[in-house]
C-alpha cells in the first residue's frame, strides 16, 4: 500500500497536562484570525437534531449569553422543527430559527454550513459523517463544535488532520465533545498524575462496560439507506461499533495520560445483538504505550450485566481512580492512604466545552483541538480492527499504511446497501 506521511502527535496529547481547573483546558493550537470580522454574538447552526444535537444546542444556549441558534439541519425537517420549538420554550429569543432555515435530507448539512448567517456549526449526526462534515465546514470558514468520535477509520483521520491544519491557518475554532477534558475532577486528577503524585504511571485499566443499547426496527417501505441511517448504531460504517461511538471517552483519557499507543492486540465477540446488527457486544484490547506501558481496555454492551465505566491508573508510588459521570476522582499512595479526592459534575463539563468554544471565538483566539480527538478516535478504530481481524496492529499501520474508508460517499436515501454482517476473525480483511 502507498505510504502516507505523518508526524508524531504525542506532543499535542502531552500538552493536556498544562490545563488548569480555572479554564478547564489550554488549547492544543490557537488559530490566527486573518481578516475575520469581529463577533459580538455567535450565530449557531446545528446538523443533526437528535438527542445529542439538541443537548449540544441546549448546553450552548444555557451557558453562553451571546449566542443565537439560527439554522437547523436533520434527515427529517419535521423532527428538527419539533426540536426547535422545544428549545424555544426554554431559551426564548435565543432560538431564532425561521421555517425557511430548517433543512431536511442528506444535503441539509450543506445548507446549514453555507448559510451566510451561521458563524459556528454544531456537528452531531451519526459519527460516520463526522470527518467529512468537519472538513466541509472548515473549508467554508466556519467555527466548529464536533461530537466524538470525529473519525472511524484511517481516511477519516487524515481528513481530520487536514481540517485541523486548515482551521489553524484560517483562524477558525474546532472544539470537540470529549467533555472529560473539561470536567474538573478529571483535569485535576491528571494534573496530579503529571506532577508525580503517583510516581511514574506504568499501567492502567479502562472500562466502558454497560448494559444494552437501543435498536430500531425496520419500518415497511424503508430503503436500506433509510433503515441503516435510522438504526445507525448497529452499522459500523455509521457508528464504528461501541468502541468508537461510546467507549472512545475512556480511550481518550488514556491517550491524555500516556500519549498515543504504539500497538495493540484485541479480541471479543457477540452473544446478544439483534440478528442484523453488525456490532459485537464485547471487546478487550491490550494497548501498549511508549515505554511498553500497558493499558487493559474493555468495553461491553450486554443486558442484565453490571456496569463499569471507570479508569484506574497505576503508578510507582500510588494509584489514581478516575470515575465516569459524577463519580469523582481519588488518589491513594502505595499504602492505600487517600491523598487526593474531588467530586464529579459531568453536566458542568458538557456546558463548559461550549463556553470555551464561544469565549475563544469572541476573544479572537479560537481553540483548535481536533487532532487530539482524531488520535483518540483512531486509537479506538485500531482496537476494533485488531479485534475484527484477530491481528496485532500498530499505530504506524493505522496512520501510514491503512487506506480504510468505510463511509458511503455519494449516499442517496433510495440506495440499496448490502450489510456485510458482523466481522469474523480469520476471514476479516484489513484495509
Protein backbone atom coordinates (compact mmCIF):
# COMPACT_ATOMS: atom_id res chain seq x y z
CA UNK A 1 0.00 0.00 0.00
CA UNK A 2 1.06 3.56 -0.62
CA UNK A 3 2.77 5.10 2.38
CA UNK A 4 1.38 8.31 3.84
CA UNK A 5 3.45 10.84 5.68
CA UNK A 6 2.57 11.52 9.28
CA UNK A 7 4.08 13.36 12.20
CA UNK A 8 4.45 12.42 15.84
CA UNK A 9 1.41 13.90 17.56
CA UNK A 10 2.12 12.75 21.10
CA UNK A 11 3.32 16.27 21.87
CA UNK A 12 -0.23 17.52 21.37
CA UNK A 13 -1.63 14.98 23.83
CA UNK A 14 1.07 15.71 26.39
CA UNK A 15 0.16 19.40 26.24
CA UNK A 16 -3.02 18.47 28.10
CA UNK A 17 -1.04 18.47 31.34
CA UNK A 18 -0.98 22.26 31.12
CA UNK A 19 -4.72 22.64 31.53
CA UNK A 20 -5.96 24.39 34.62
CA UNK A 21 -9.05 23.96 36.71
CA UNK A 22 -9.93 27.61 36.24
CA UNK A 23 -10.25 27.45 32.46
CA UNK A 24 -10.66 23.68 32.16
CA UNK A 25 -8.43 23.45 29.10
CA UNK A 26 -5.47 25.00 27.37
CA UNK A 27 -5.90 24.82 23.59
CA UNK A 28 -3.66 22.50 21.65
CA UNK A 29 -3.43 25.12 18.93
CA UNK A 30 -4.63 28.67 18.51
CA UNK A 31 -5.89 29.83 15.16
CA UNK A 32 -4.61 33.20 13.99
CA UNK A 33 -7.58 35.14 12.58
CA UNK A 34 -6.83 36.70 9.23
CA UNK A 35 -9.30 39.34 8.13
CA UNK A 36 -12.22 37.80 10.01
CA UNK A 37 -14.93 40.11 11.25
CA UNK A 38 -15.19 40.65 14.99
CA UNK A 39 -18.24 38.99 16.52
CA UNK A 40 -20.37 40.22 19.39
CA UNK A 41 -22.90 37.41 19.02
CA UNK A 42 -22.12 33.94 17.66
CA UNK A 43 -24.84 32.55 15.39
CA UNK A 44 -25.13 28.78 15.67
CA UNK A 45 -26.30 26.21 13.16
CA UNK A 46 -26.76 22.55 14.08
CA UNK A 47 -26.51 19.50 11.82
CA UNK A 48 -28.23 16.52 13.41
CA UNK A 49 -31.06 17.32 15.82
CA UNK A 50 -31.36 14.05 17.72
CA UNK A 51 -30.67 13.73 21.43
CA UNK A 52 -27.02 14.78 21.26
CA UNK A 53 -27.64 17.60 18.82
CA UNK A 54 -30.46 19.03 20.89
CA UNK A 55 -28.34 18.58 24.00
CA UNK A 56 -25.46 20.48 22.45
CA UNK A 57 -27.77 23.33 21.46
CA UNK A 58 -29.23 23.46 24.96
CA UNK A 59 -25.78 23.43 26.57
CA UNK A 60 -24.51 26.30 24.42
CA UNK A 61 -27.68 28.37 24.77
CA UNK A 62 -27.68 27.80 28.53
CA UNK A 63 -24.11 28.76 29.36
CA UNK A 64 -23.49 31.47 26.73
CA UNK A 65 -25.24 34.85 26.80
CA UNK A 66 -24.07 35.92 23.37
CA UNK A 67 -25.24 33.09 21.09
CA UNK A 68 -28.28 32.54 18.90
CA UNK A 69 -29.47 29.42 17.12
CA UNK A 70 -30.35 30.45 13.54
CA UNK A 71 -30.32 27.27 11.40
CA UNK A 72 -31.01 23.55 11.83
CA UNK A 73 -30.49 20.53 9.60
CA UNK A 74 -31.68 16.97 10.03
CA UNK A 75 -32.63 13.99 7.86
CA UNK A 76 -36.25 14.84 8.68
CA UNK A 77 -37.06 18.53 8.73
CA UNK A 78 -40.27 17.95 10.72
CA UNK A 79 -38.23 16.45 13.58
CA UNK A 80 -35.89 19.44 13.51
CA UNK A 81 -38.86 21.82 13.77
CA UNK A 82 -40.12 19.92 16.81
CA UNK A 83 -36.74 20.29 18.49
CA UNK A 84 -36.62 23.98 17.55
CA UNK A 85 -39.97 24.58 19.23
CA UNK A 86 -38.86 22.72 22.36
CA UNK A 87 -35.66 24.75 22.58
CA UNK A 88 -37.57 27.99 22.03
CA UNK A 89 -39.82 27.22 25.00
CA UNK A 90 -36.72 27.18 27.21
CA UNK A 91 -34.48 29.80 25.59
CA UNK A 92 -36.91 32.25 24.02
CA UNK A 93 -35.45 34.74 21.55
CA UNK A 94 -32.06 33.00 21.57
CA UNK A 95 -33.73 30.48 19.27
CA UNK A 96 -34.25 32.45 16.05
CA UNK A 97 -34.77 29.69 13.50
CA UNK A 98 -37.35 30.55 10.87
CA UNK A 99 -39.06 27.74 8.97
CA UNK A 100 -37.02 28.64 5.90
CA UNK A 101 -33.85 27.91 7.87
CA UNK A 102 -34.84 24.38 8.85
CA UNK A 103 -33.40 21.95 6.32
CA UNK A 104 -34.04 18.26 5.72
CA UNK A 105 -32.36 15.40 3.87
CA UNK A 106 -28.82 14.23 3.31
CA UNK A 107 -27.87 17.64 1.88
CA UNK A 108 -29.11 19.53 4.95
CA UNK A 109 -25.56 19.82 6.26
CA UNK A 110 -24.54 21.86 3.22
CA UNK A 111 -27.45 24.25 3.67
CA UNK A 112 -26.53 24.87 7.32
CA UNK A 113 -22.79 25.16 6.70
CA UNK A 114 -23.26 27.51 3.73
CA UNK A 115 -25.87 29.68 5.46
CA UNK A 116 -24.46 33.24 5.45
CA UNK A 117 -25.72 33.99 8.96
CA UNK A 118 -24.13 30.92 10.58
CA UNK A 119 -20.82 31.55 12.34
CA UNK A 120 -20.41 28.23 14.14
CA UNK A 121 -21.71 24.78 13.20
CA UNK A 122 -22.55 22.07 15.74
CA UNK A 123 -21.94 18.69 14.05
CA UNK A 124 -23.86 15.96 15.87
CA UNK A 125 -25.02 13.44 13.26
CA UNK A 126 -24.13 9.76 13.42
CA UNK A 127 -20.32 9.52 13.54
CA UNK A 128 -19.70 8.17 10.03
CA UNK A 129 -20.44 11.61 8.60
CA UNK A 130 -18.25 13.48 11.07
CA UNK A 131 -14.82 13.85 9.39
CA UNK A 132 -16.37 14.85 6.08
CA UNK A 133 -18.75 17.36 7.66
CA UNK A 134 -15.88 18.84 9.69
CA UNK A 135 -13.66 19.25 6.66
CA UNK A 136 -16.52 20.79 4.68
CA UNK A 137 -17.28 23.28 7.48
CA UNK A 138 -13.65 24.32 7.89
CA UNK A 139 -13.31 24.86 4.15
CA UNK A 140 -16.38 27.11 4.36
CA UNK A 141 -14.67 29.19 7.04
CA UNK A 142 -16.97 28.17 9.90
CA UNK A 143 -16.15 27.60 13.54
CA UNK A 144 -16.99 24.03 14.58
CA UNK A 145 -18.21 22.01 17.51
CA UNK A 146 -17.82 18.32 16.61
CA UNK A 147 -19.17 15.49 18.71
CA UNK A 148 -16.98 12.48 19.38
CA UNK A 149 -15.81 10.31 17.72
CA UNK A 150 -14.51 12.50 14.91
CA UNK A 151 -13.43 9.62 12.66
CA UNK A 152 -13.93 5.87 12.32
CA UNK A 153 -11.06 4.85 10.06
CA UNK A 154 -7.73 5.93 8.57
CA UNK A 155 -9.13 8.08 5.75
CA UNK A 156 -11.38 9.92 8.21
CA UNK A 157 -8.33 10.52 10.42
CA UNK A 158 -6.44 12.05 7.50
CA UNK A 159 -9.42 14.29 6.76
CA UNK A 160 -9.28 15.49 10.37
CA UNK A 161 -5.56 16.25 10.08
CA UNK A 162 -6.24 18.41 7.04
CA UNK A 163 -9.15 20.16 8.73
CA UNK A 164 -7.16 20.88 11.89
CA UNK A 165 -4.29 22.44 9.96
CA UNK A 166 -6.63 24.49 7.79
CA UNK A 167 -8.55 25.77 10.83
CA UNK A 168 -5.30 26.93 12.43
CA UNK A 169 -4.31 28.65 9.20
CA UNK A 170 -7.70 30.31 8.71
CA UNK A 171 -8.28 31.27 12.36
CA UNK A 172 -11.40 29.20 12.96
CA UNK A 173 -12.15 27.17 16.08
CA UNK A 174 -12.74 23.44 16.45
CA UNK A 175 -13.85 22.15 19.87
CA UNK A 176 -14.84 18.51 20.30
CA UNK A 177 -17.25 16.62 22.54
CA UNK A 178 -14.67 14.97 24.78
CA UNK A 179 -16.23 16.52 27.85
CA UNK A 180 -13.99 14.74 30.34
CA UNK A 181 -11.16 17.03 29.25
CA UNK A 182 -13.25 19.83 30.77
CA UNK A 183 -14.55 18.02 33.84
CA UNK A 184 -12.85 19.34 36.96
CA UNK A 185 -12.18 16.02 38.68
CA UNK A 186 -10.54 14.61 35.51
CA UNK A 187 -8.50 17.75 34.91
CA UNK A 188 -7.30 17.95 38.50
CA UNK A 189 -6.52 14.23 38.83
CA UNK A 190 -4.47 14.17 35.64
CA UNK A 191 -2.64 17.31 36.74
CA UNK A 192 -1.76 15.49 39.97
CA UNK A 193 -0.54 12.49 37.97
CA UNK A 194 1.61 14.73 35.78
CA UNK A 195 3.00 16.41 38.90
CA UNK A 196 4.17 13.00 40.16
CA UNK A 197 1.60 12.24 42.87
CA UNK A 198 1.51 8.54 41.88
CA UNK A 199 5.13 8.46 40.73
CA UNK A 200 5.58 7.32 37.14
CA UNK A 201 2.35 5.99 35.55
CA UNK A 202 3.12 2.42 34.49
CA UNK A 203 -0.19 0.77 33.56
CA UNK A 204 -3.93 1.29 33.65
CA UNK A 205 -7.32 -0.29 33.26
CA UNK A 206 -10.06 1.49 31.32
CA UNK A 207 -13.62 0.23 31.15
CA UNK A 208 -16.82 1.14 29.34
CA UNK A 209 -18.93 -1.86 30.30
CA UNK A 210 -22.64 -1.09 30.15
CA UNK A 211 -25.96 -2.82 29.69
CA UNK A 212 -27.91 -2.94 26.42
CA UNK A 213 -28.23 -0.29 23.74
CA UNK A 214 -31.22 0.87 21.68
CA UNK A 215 -32.33 -0.84 18.48
CA UNK A 216 -34.87 0.42 15.94
CA UNK A 217 -36.96 -1.93 13.86
CA UNK A 218 -37.21 -1.53 10.12
CA UNK A 219 -40.45 0.09 9.00
CA UNK A 220 -42.34 -1.07 5.90
CA UNK A 221 -41.17 0.57 2.68
CA UNK A 222 -37.82 1.73 4.04
CA UNK A 223 -34.84 1.60 1.70
CA UNK A 224 -31.62 0.09 3.00
CA UNK A 225 -30.17 3.58 3.35
CA UNK A 226 -33.17 4.85 5.33
CA UNK A 227 -33.12 1.84 7.64
CA UNK A 228 -29.39 1.94 8.31
CA UNK A 229 -29.45 5.69 8.94
CA UNK A 230 -32.37 5.26 11.36
CA UNK A 231 -30.71 2.31 13.10
CA UNK A 232 -27.22 3.77 12.76
CA UNK A 233 -25.69 2.42 15.95
CA UNK A 234 -25.82 -1.12 14.57
CA UNK A 235 -23.96 -0.47 11.31
CA UNK A 236 -20.23 0.03 11.65
CA UNK A 237 -19.86 2.46 8.74
CA UNK A 238 -22.04 4.83 10.77
CA UNK A 239 -21.06 4.09 14.39
CA UNK A 240 -17.70 2.32 14.28
CA UNK A 241 -19.08 -0.19 16.83
CA UNK A 242 -19.30 0.53 20.55
CA UNK A 243 -15.57 1.01 20.98
CA UNK A 244 -15.62 4.05 18.69
CA UNK A 245 -19.05 5.52 19.32
CA UNK A 246 -19.19 5.24 23.09
CA UNK A 247 -16.02 3.88 24.67
CA UNK A 248 -13.76 6.42 22.97
CA UNK A 249 -14.19 8.55 26.12
CA UNK A 250 -12.05 6.15 28.16
CA UNK A 251 -9.55 5.72 25.36
CA UNK A 252 -9.21 9.49 25.13
CA UNK A 253 -8.38 9.66 28.85
CA UNK A 254 -5.68 7.00 28.41
CA UNK A 255 -4.16 8.90 25.48
CA UNK A 256 -4.34 12.08 27.56
CA UNK A 257 -2.14 10.41 30.17
CA UNK A 258 0.14 8.14 28.15
CA UNK A 259 0.27 9.60 24.62
CA UNK A 260 -0.72 7.57 21.55
CA UNK A 261 -0.33 3.78 21.71
CA UNK A 262 2.35 2.10 19.63
CA UNK A 263 0.49 -1.17 19.11
CA UNK A 264 -2.44 -3.26 20.29
CA UNK A 265 -3.96 -6.72 20.26
CA UNK A 266 -7.69 -7.21 20.75
CA UNK A 267 -10.39 -9.85 20.93
CA UNK A 268 -14.11 -10.09 21.62
CA UNK A 269 -17.36 -11.37 20.20
CA UNK A 270 -21.14 -11.21 20.24
CA UNK A 271 -23.88 -13.09 22.04
CA UNK A 272 -26.89 -10.79 22.40
CA UNK A 273 -27.06 -8.48 19.38
CA UNK A 274 -30.09 -8.48 17.07
CA UNK A 275 -29.63 -10.69 14.03
CA UNK A 276 -28.97 -7.90 11.53
CA UNK A 277 -26.70 -5.85 13.81
CA UNK A 278 -23.09 -5.61 12.66
CA UNK A 279 -21.90 -4.77 16.18
CA UNK A 280 -20.05 -7.01 18.55
CA UNK A 281 -21.21 -6.79 22.14
CA UNK A 282 -17.81 -7.00 23.85
CA UNK A 283 -14.17 -6.17 23.10
CA UNK A 284 -10.99 -6.43 25.11
CA UNK A 285 -7.89 -4.59 23.92
CA UNK A 286 -4.34 -4.51 25.23
CA UNK A 287 -2.87 -1.16 24.20
CA UNK A 288 0.90 -0.77 24.52
CA UNK A 289 2.07 2.80 25.00
CA UNK A 290 5.61 4.26 24.78
CA UNK A 291 7.90 2.58 27.30
CA UNK A 292 5.90 -0.64 26.89
CA UNK A 293 3.28 0.65 29.32
CA UNK A 294 0.16 -1.48 29.18
CA UNK A 295 -3.44 -0.28 29.23
CA UNK A 296 -6.01 -3.04 29.60
CA UNK A 297 -9.18 -1.76 27.95
CA UNK A 298 -12.60 -3.40 27.85
CA UNK A 299 -16.00 -2.38 26.55
CA UNK A 300 -19.27 -4.25 26.61
CA UNK A 301 -23.00 -3.74 25.98
CA UNK A 302 -24.88 -6.74 27.40
CA UNK A 303 -28.35 -6.53 29.00
CA UNK A 304 -28.56 -7.62 32.62
CA UNK A 305 -24.87 -7.11 33.40
CA UNK A 306 -23.14 -4.84 35.90
CA UNK A 307 -21.86 -1.53 34.58
CA UNK A 308 -18.24 -0.38 34.98
CA UNK A 309 -17.18 2.80 33.18
CA UNK A 310 -14.19 3.86 35.25
CA UNK A 311 -10.42 4.27 34.86
CA UNK A 312 -7.62 3.16 37.20
CA UNK A 313 -4.04 4.37 36.68
CA UNK A 314 -1.25 2.52 38.48
CA UNK A 315 1.99 4.36 39.24
CA UNK A 316 5.23 3.54 41.00
CA UNK A 317 4.12 5.47 44.11
CA UNK A 318 0.33 5.22 44.09
CA UNK A 319 -2.91 4.67 42.21
CA UNK A 320 -5.45 7.09 40.72
CA UNK A 321 -9.13 6.22 40.40
CA UNK A 322 -10.97 8.43 37.91
CA UNK A 323 -14.65 7.61 37.77
CA UNK A 324 -17.08 8.44 34.99
CA UNK A 325 -20.20 10.61 35.04
CA UNK A 326 -20.40 12.17 38.54
CA UNK A 327 -18.27 9.59 40.32
CA UNK A 328 -15.35 11.86 41.14
CA UNK A 329 -11.66 11.04 41.47
CA UNK A 330 -9.36 9.86 44.24
CA UNK A 331 -5.67 9.08 44.55
CA UNK A 332 -4.08 6.78 47.12
CA UNK A 333 -0.45 6.16 47.99
CA UNK A 334 1.18 2.73 47.99
CA UNK A 335 -0.19 2.03 51.46
CA UNK A 336 -3.76 2.80 50.40
CA UNK A 337 -3.94 6.17 52.17
CA UNK A 338 -6.08 8.71 50.33
CA UNK A 339 -4.03 11.76 49.37
CA UNK A 340 -6.44 13.47 46.97
CA UNK A 341 -10.14 13.42 46.13
CA UNK A 342 -12.62 15.53 44.17
CA UNK A 343 -16.24 15.34 43.12
CA UNK A 344 -17.50 14.90 39.57
CA UNK A 345 -20.01 17.05 37.68
CA UNK A 346 -20.49 15.90 34.11
CA UNK A 347 -23.30 18.39 33.44
CA UNK A 348 -20.93 21.29 34.04
CA UNK A 349 -18.37 19.68 31.71
CA UNK A 350 -20.89 19.39 28.87
CA UNK A 351 -21.63 23.09 29.18
CA UNK A 352 -18.01 24.14 29.67
CA UNK A 353 -16.91 22.83 26.29
CA UNK A 354 -19.42 25.17 24.64
CA UNK A 355 -18.40 28.11 26.79
CA UNK A 356 -14.74 27.58 25.96
CA UNK A 357 -15.60 27.42 22.26
CA UNK A 358 -17.64 30.63 22.20
CA UNK A 359 -15.27 32.52 24.50
CA UNK A 360 -12.34 31.65 22.24
CA UNK A 361 -14.23 32.85 19.16
CA UNK A 362 -15.23 36.15 20.73
CA UNK A 363 -11.71 36.71 22.06
CA UNK A 364 -10.23 36.19 18.60
CA UNK A 365 -8.14 33.26 19.90
CA UNK A 366 -10.01 30.24 18.56
CA UNK A 367 -9.28 26.86 20.12
CA UNK A 368 -8.33 24.16 17.60
CA UNK A 369 -8.24 20.74 19.26
CA UNK A 370 -9.27 18.34 16.50
CA UNK A 371 -6.02 16.39 16.30
CA UNK A 372 -6.18 15.12 19.89
CA UNK A 373 -9.70 13.75 19.38
CA UNK A 374 -8.86 12.34 15.96
CA UNK A 375 -5.95 10.44 17.50
CA UNK A 376 -8.18 9.02 20.23
CA UNK A 377 -10.85 8.14 17.67
CA UNK A 378 -8.28 6.31 15.53
CA UNK A 379 -6.96 4.54 18.63
CA UNK A 380 -10.48 3.17 19.12
CA UNK A 381 -10.68 2.15 15.46
CA UNK A 382 -7.29 0.40 15.78
CA UNK A 383 -8.69 -1.69 18.63
CA UNK A 384 -11.79 -2.54 16.59
CA UNK A 385 -9.77 -3.57 13.55
CA UNK A 386 -7.46 -5.71 15.68
CA UNK A 387 -10.46 -7.44 17.27
CA UNK A 388 -12.29 -7.95 13.98
CA UNK A 389 -9.22 -9.37 12.24
CA UNK A 390 -7.58 -11.17 15.15
CA UNK A 391 -4.30 -9.49 14.22
CA UNK A 392 -1.94 -7.27 16.21
CA UNK A 393 -1.87 -3.74 14.77
CA UNK A 394 0.44 -0.76 15.09
CA UNK A 395 -0.12 2.98 15.14
CA UNK A 396 2.22 3.19 12.15
CA UNK A 397 -0.03 0.88 10.15
CA UNK A 398 -3.13 2.87 11.02
CA UNK A 399 -1.64 6.27 10.18
CA UNK A 400 0.69 5.41 7.28
CA UNK A 401 -0.39 2.16 5.61
CA UNK A 402 -4.13 1.79 6.11
CA UNK A 403 -6.40 3.10 3.34
CA UNK A 404 -9.64 2.11 5.05
CA UNK A 405 -12.59 4.38 4.23
CA UNK A 406 -15.85 2.91 5.50
CA UNK A 407 -18.12 5.84 4.62
CA UNK A 408 -20.71 5.61 1.81
CA UNK A 409 -19.71 8.67 -0.19
CA UNK A 410 -22.40 9.97 -2.56
CA UNK A 411 -25.10 8.28 -0.49
CA UNK A 412 -28.75 8.69 -1.54
CA UNK A 413 -31.78 7.90 0.61
CA UNK A 414 -33.01 5.40 -2.01
CA UNK A 415 -29.75 3.43 -2.11
CA UNK A 416 -29.65 -0.33 -1.65
CA UNK A 417 -26.85 -1.11 0.81
CA UNK A 418 -25.96 -4.72 1.47
CA UNK A 419 -24.83 -5.20 5.06
CA UNK A 420 -21.53 -7.01 5.39
CA UNK A 421 -22.79 -8.68 8.55
CA UNK A 422 -20.68 -8.97 11.68
CA UNK A 423 -16.93 -9.44 11.39
CA UNK A 424 -15.38 -12.89 11.87
CA UNK A 425 -11.69 -13.04 12.87
CA UNK A 426 -9.62 -15.07 10.45
CA UNK A 427 -11.69 -14.07 7.42
CA UNK A 428 -11.99 -10.32 8.01
CA UNK A 429 -9.70 -8.40 5.66
CA UNK A 430 -7.76 -5.37 6.84
CA UNK A 431 -7.61 -2.33 4.56
